[in-house]
């Protein structure tokens, strides 16, 4: 009985540790905001300045405007500076 309780306590602790690793930005599935729309995957470890420049170029009117979505996949949550860029219209 004691070993059972110790095992349950360890599993609860492990679950708590895994749960703390999740982020509000984590997604299992990507759901498009509109019907048939193109999307671009931006994967890797780029500087905030490089991502800002890419987004400005990607959504420039010379390249078809804003009829596309960009999905940014990184191993860590966005910084405050990145959040400012992501929240720009």
N, C-alpha and C. Protein backbone atom coordinates (compact mmCIF):
# COMPACT_ATOMS: atom_id res chain seq x y z
N UNK A 1 0.82 -1.19 0.00
CA UNK A 1 0.00 0.00 0.00
C UNK A 1 0.87 1.26 0.00
N UNK A 2 1.95 1.25 0.77
CA UNK A 2 2.84 2.41 0.84
C UNK A 2 3.50 2.65 -0.51
N UNK A 3 3.92 1.56 -1.17
CA UNK A 3 4.57 1.73 -2.48
C UNK A 3 3.57 2.26 -3.51
N UNK A 4 2.29 1.87 -3.40
CA UNK A 4 1.26 2.37 -4.30
C UNK A 4 1.09 3.88 -4.14
N UNK A 5 1.01 4.34 -2.90
CA UNK A 5 0.87 5.78 -2.64
C UNK A 5 2.10 6.57 -3.10
N UNK A 6 3.28 5.99 -2.91
CA UNK A 6 4.50 6.65 -3.37
C UNK A 6 4.51 6.75 -4.89
N UNK A 7 4.04 5.71 -5.57
CA UNK A 7 3.98 5.70 -7.03
C UNK A 7 2.98 6.74 -7.54
N UNK A 8 1.83 6.83 -6.88
CA UNK A 8 0.82 7.82 -7.29
C UNK A 8 1.36 9.23 -7.09
N UNK A 9 2.05 9.44 -5.97
CA UNK A 9 2.62 10.76 -5.72
C UNK A 9 3.66 11.12 -6.78
N UNK A 10 4.51 10.17 -7.18
CA UNK A 10 5.53 10.42 -8.22
C UNK A 10 4.86 10.73 -9.55
N UNK A 11 3.83 9.97 -9.91
CA UNK A 11 3.14 10.21 -11.18
C UNK A 11 2.44 11.57 -11.18
N UNK A 12 1.87 11.96 -10.06
CA UNK A 12 1.23 13.27 -9.97
C UNK A 12 2.28 14.38 -10.11
N UNK A 13 3.44 14.18 -9.53
CA UNK A 13 4.53 15.15 -9.65
C UNK A 13 5.01 15.23 -11.10
N UNK A 14 5.17 14.08 -11.76
CA UNK A 14 5.58 14.06 -13.17
C UNK A 14 4.56 14.77 -14.04
N UNK A 15 3.28 14.53 -13.79
CA UNK A 15 2.22 15.18 -14.57
C UNK A 15 2.28 16.70 -14.38
N UNK A 16 2.50 17.12 -13.16
CA UNK A 16 2.59 18.55 -12.87
C UNK A 16 3.77 19.18 -13.61
N UNK A 17 4.89 18.49 -13.65
CA UNK A 17 6.07 19.01 -14.37
C UNK A 17 5.81 19.13 -15.86
N UNK A 18 5.16 18.13 -16.45
CA UNK A 18 4.85 18.17 -17.88
C UNK A 18 3.83 19.26 -18.16
N UNK A 19 2.85 19.39 -17.31
CA UNK A 19 1.82 20.42 -17.48
C UNK A 19 2.42 21.82 -17.45
N UNK A 20 3.44 22.03 -16.66
CA UNK A 20 4.10 23.34 -16.57
C UNK A 20 4.90 23.67 -17.83
N UNK A 21 5.20 22.67 -18.66
CA UNK A 21 5.96 22.90 -19.88
C UNK A 21 5.09 23.44 -21.01
N UNK A 22 3.78 23.35 -20.87
CA UNK A 22 2.91 23.80 -21.95
C UNK A 22 2.89 25.32 -21.99
N UNK A 23 2.49 25.85 -23.13
CA UNK A 23 2.48 27.29 -23.35
C UNK A 23 1.17 27.69 -24.00
N UNK A 24 0.76 28.92 -23.81
CA UNK A 24 -0.46 29.39 -24.47
C UNK A 24 -0.30 29.40 -25.99
N UNK A 25 0.94 29.33 -26.46
CA UNK A 25 1.20 29.34 -27.89
C UNK A 25 1.29 27.93 -28.48
N UNK A 26 1.25 26.92 -27.65
CA UNK A 26 1.34 25.54 -28.13
C UNK A 26 0.06 25.14 -28.83
N UNK A 27 0.21 24.45 -29.92
CA UNK A 27 -0.94 23.95 -30.67
C UNK A 27 -0.62 22.54 -31.16
N UNK A 28 -1.61 21.67 -31.10
CA UNK A 28 -1.47 20.35 -31.70
C UNK A 28 -1.91 20.44 -33.16
N UNK A 29 -2.94 21.25 -33.41
CA UNK A 29 -3.47 21.40 -34.77
C UNK A 29 -3.44 22.87 -35.16
N UNK A 30 -3.24 23.10 -36.46
CA UNK A 30 -3.33 24.45 -37.03
C UNK A 30 -4.70 24.58 -37.66
N UNK A 31 -5.46 25.58 -37.26
CA UNK A 31 -6.78 25.82 -37.82
C UNK A 31 -6.75 27.16 -38.53
N UNK A 32 -7.03 27.13 -39.83
CA UNK A 32 -7.03 28.37 -40.61
C UNK A 32 -8.14 29.29 -40.12
N UNK A 33 -7.87 30.57 -40.14
CA UNK A 33 -8.87 31.54 -39.69
C UNK A 33 -9.95 31.76 -40.74
N UNK A 34 -9.64 31.50 -41.99
CA UNK A 34 -10.61 31.64 -43.08
C UNK A 34 -10.52 30.41 -43.97
N UNK A 35 -11.48 30.22 -44.84
CA UNK A 35 -11.58 29.07 -45.74
C UNK A 35 -10.29 28.68 -46.43
N UNK A 36 -10.29 28.74 -47.76
CA UNK A 36 -9.10 28.37 -48.52
C UNK A 36 -8.14 29.55 -48.59
N UNK A 37 -7.12 29.48 -47.78
CA UNK A 37 -6.14 30.56 -47.73
C UNK A 37 -4.75 29.94 -47.67
N UNK A 38 -3.82 30.57 -48.36
CA UNK A 38 -2.44 30.09 -48.34
C UNK A 38 -1.82 30.37 -46.99
N UNK A 39 -0.88 29.50 -46.62
CA UNK A 39 -0.13 29.78 -45.40
C UNK A 39 1.34 29.46 -45.62
N UNK A 40 2.17 30.13 -44.86
CA UNK A 40 3.62 29.99 -44.93
C UNK A 40 4.10 29.51 -43.57
N UNK A 41 4.95 28.49 -43.56
CA UNK A 41 5.56 28.04 -42.31
C UNK A 41 6.91 28.70 -42.16
N UNK A 42 7.12 29.33 -41.03
CA UNK A 42 8.40 29.96 -40.70
C UNK A 42 8.99 29.16 -39.55
N UNK A 43 10.00 28.36 -39.85
CA UNK A 43 10.56 27.43 -38.88
C UNK A 43 12.02 27.75 -38.64
N UNK A 44 12.44 27.70 -37.39
CA UNK A 44 13.84 27.89 -37.08
C UNK A 44 14.07 28.97 -36.05
N UNK A 45 15.33 29.22 -35.81
CA UNK A 45 15.73 30.18 -34.79
C UNK A 45 16.25 31.43 -35.47
N UNK A 46 15.36 32.36 -35.77
CA UNK A 46 15.73 33.62 -36.42
C UNK A 46 15.62 34.75 -35.42
N UNK A 47 16.35 35.81 -35.69
CA UNK A 47 16.27 36.98 -34.81
C UNK A 47 14.92 37.66 -34.99
N UNK A 48 14.55 38.44 -34.01
CA UNK A 48 13.29 39.18 -34.06
C UNK A 48 13.30 40.14 -35.24
N UNK A 49 14.45 40.75 -35.49
CA UNK A 49 14.56 41.69 -36.61
C UNK A 49 14.36 40.98 -37.95
N UNK A 50 14.90 39.78 -38.09
CA UNK A 50 14.75 39.03 -39.33
C UNK A 50 13.29 38.62 -39.54
N UNK A 51 12.63 38.21 -38.48
CA UNK A 51 11.22 37.83 -38.60
C UNK A 51 10.38 39.06 -38.93
N UNK A 52 10.67 40.19 -38.31
CA UNK A 52 9.95 41.43 -38.61
C UNK A 52 10.11 41.80 -40.08
N UNK A 53 11.33 41.73 -40.59
CA UNK A 53 11.58 42.06 -42.00
C UNK A 53 10.85 41.08 -42.92
N UNK A 54 10.88 39.78 -42.57
CA UNK A 54 10.18 38.78 -43.38
C UNK A 54 8.68 39.07 -43.43
N UNK A 55 8.07 39.36 -42.28
CA UNK A 55 6.63 39.61 -42.23
C UNK A 55 6.26 40.86 -43.03
N UNK A 56 7.07 41.91 -42.92
CA UNK A 56 6.79 43.13 -43.69
C UNK A 56 6.87 42.85 -45.18
N UNK A 57 7.86 42.09 -45.59
CA UNK A 57 8.01 41.74 -47.01
C UNK A 57 6.89 40.81 -47.48
N UNK A 58 6.56 39.83 -46.66
CA UNK A 58 5.54 38.84 -47.01
C UNK A 58 4.18 39.49 -47.21
N UNK A 59 3.84 40.45 -46.36
CA UNK A 59 2.52 41.07 -46.42
C UNK A 59 2.51 42.39 -47.19
N UNK A 60 3.60 42.72 -47.86
CA UNK A 60 3.65 43.95 -48.66
C UNK A 60 2.69 43.82 -49.84
N UNK A 61 2.09 44.92 -50.21
CA UNK A 61 1.09 44.91 -51.29
C UNK A 61 1.66 44.44 -52.62
N UNK A 62 2.97 44.58 -52.83
CA UNK A 62 3.60 44.08 -54.06
C UNK A 62 3.55 42.56 -54.18
N UNK A 63 3.32 41.88 -53.06
CA UNK A 63 3.32 40.41 -53.06
C UNK A 63 1.93 39.84 -52.81
N UNK A 64 0.92 40.57 -53.15
CA UNK A 64 -0.43 40.06 -53.02
C UNK A 64 -1.13 40.46 -51.73
N UNK A 65 -0.55 41.33 -50.97
CA UNK A 65 -1.23 41.83 -49.78
C UNK A 65 -1.29 40.85 -48.64
N UNK A 66 -2.44 40.82 -47.98
CA UNK A 66 -2.55 40.07 -46.73
C UNK A 66 -3.39 38.81 -46.85
N UNK A 67 -3.59 38.30 -48.04
CA UNK A 67 -4.43 37.12 -48.22
C UNK A 67 -3.64 35.83 -47.99
N UNK A 68 -2.94 35.77 -46.88
CA UNK A 68 -2.17 34.59 -46.49
C UNK A 68 -1.94 34.64 -44.99
N UNK A 69 -1.56 33.52 -44.43
CA UNK A 69 -1.24 33.45 -43.02
C UNK A 69 0.17 32.93 -42.86
N UNK A 70 0.85 33.35 -41.80
CA UNK A 70 2.19 32.87 -41.49
C UNK A 70 2.11 32.14 -40.16
N UNK A 71 2.60 30.91 -40.15
CA UNK A 71 2.66 30.11 -38.93
C UNK A 71 4.13 30.08 -38.51
N UNK A 72 4.42 30.60 -37.33
CA UNK A 72 5.79 30.66 -36.83
C UNK A 72 5.97 29.54 -35.81
N UNK A 73 6.93 28.65 -36.09
CA UNK A 73 7.18 27.52 -35.20
C UNK A 73 8.58 27.68 -34.60
N UNK A 74 8.62 27.85 -33.29
CA UNK A 74 9.89 28.01 -32.58
C UNK A 74 9.86 27.12 -31.34
N UNK A 75 11.01 26.89 -30.76
CA UNK A 75 11.12 26.02 -29.59
C UNK A 75 10.85 26.73 -28.28
N UNK A 76 10.62 28.03 -28.33
CA UNK A 76 10.43 28.78 -27.10
C UNK A 76 9.38 29.86 -27.32
N UNK A 77 8.74 30.31 -26.27
CA UNK A 77 7.70 31.34 -26.41
C UNK A 77 8.27 32.65 -26.93
N UNK A 78 7.43 33.47 -27.54
CA UNK A 78 7.91 34.77 -28.06
C UNK A 78 8.31 35.72 -26.93
N UNK A 79 9.30 36.53 -27.22
CA UNK A 79 9.73 37.56 -26.28
C UNK A 79 8.74 38.72 -26.33
N UNK A 80 8.90 39.67 -25.43
CA UNK A 80 8.04 40.85 -25.45
C UNK A 80 8.18 41.61 -26.77
N UNK A 81 9.42 41.71 -27.26
CA UNK A 81 9.67 42.39 -28.54
C UNK A 81 8.94 41.68 -29.68
N UNK A 82 8.97 40.35 -29.65
CA UNK A 82 8.27 39.57 -30.68
C UNK A 82 6.77 39.74 -30.57
N UNK A 83 6.23 39.81 -29.36
CA UNK A 83 4.80 40.03 -29.17
C UNK A 83 4.35 41.36 -29.74
N UNK A 84 5.18 42.38 -29.62
CA UNK A 84 4.86 43.69 -30.21
C UNK A 84 4.73 43.56 -31.71
N UNK A 85 5.65 42.85 -32.34
CA UNK A 85 5.60 42.65 -33.80
C UNK A 85 4.38 41.85 -34.20
N UNK A 86 4.08 40.79 -33.45
CA UNK A 86 2.95 39.93 -33.80
C UNK A 86 1.61 40.62 -33.63
N UNK A 87 1.55 41.60 -32.76
CA UNK A 87 0.28 42.30 -32.53
C UNK A 87 0.09 43.53 -33.39
N UNK A 88 1.03 43.80 -34.30
CA UNK A 88 0.88 44.92 -35.24
C UNK A 88 -0.19 44.55 -36.27
N UNK A 89 -0.96 45.54 -36.71
CA UNK A 89 -1.97 45.25 -37.76
C UNK A 89 -1.35 44.90 -39.09
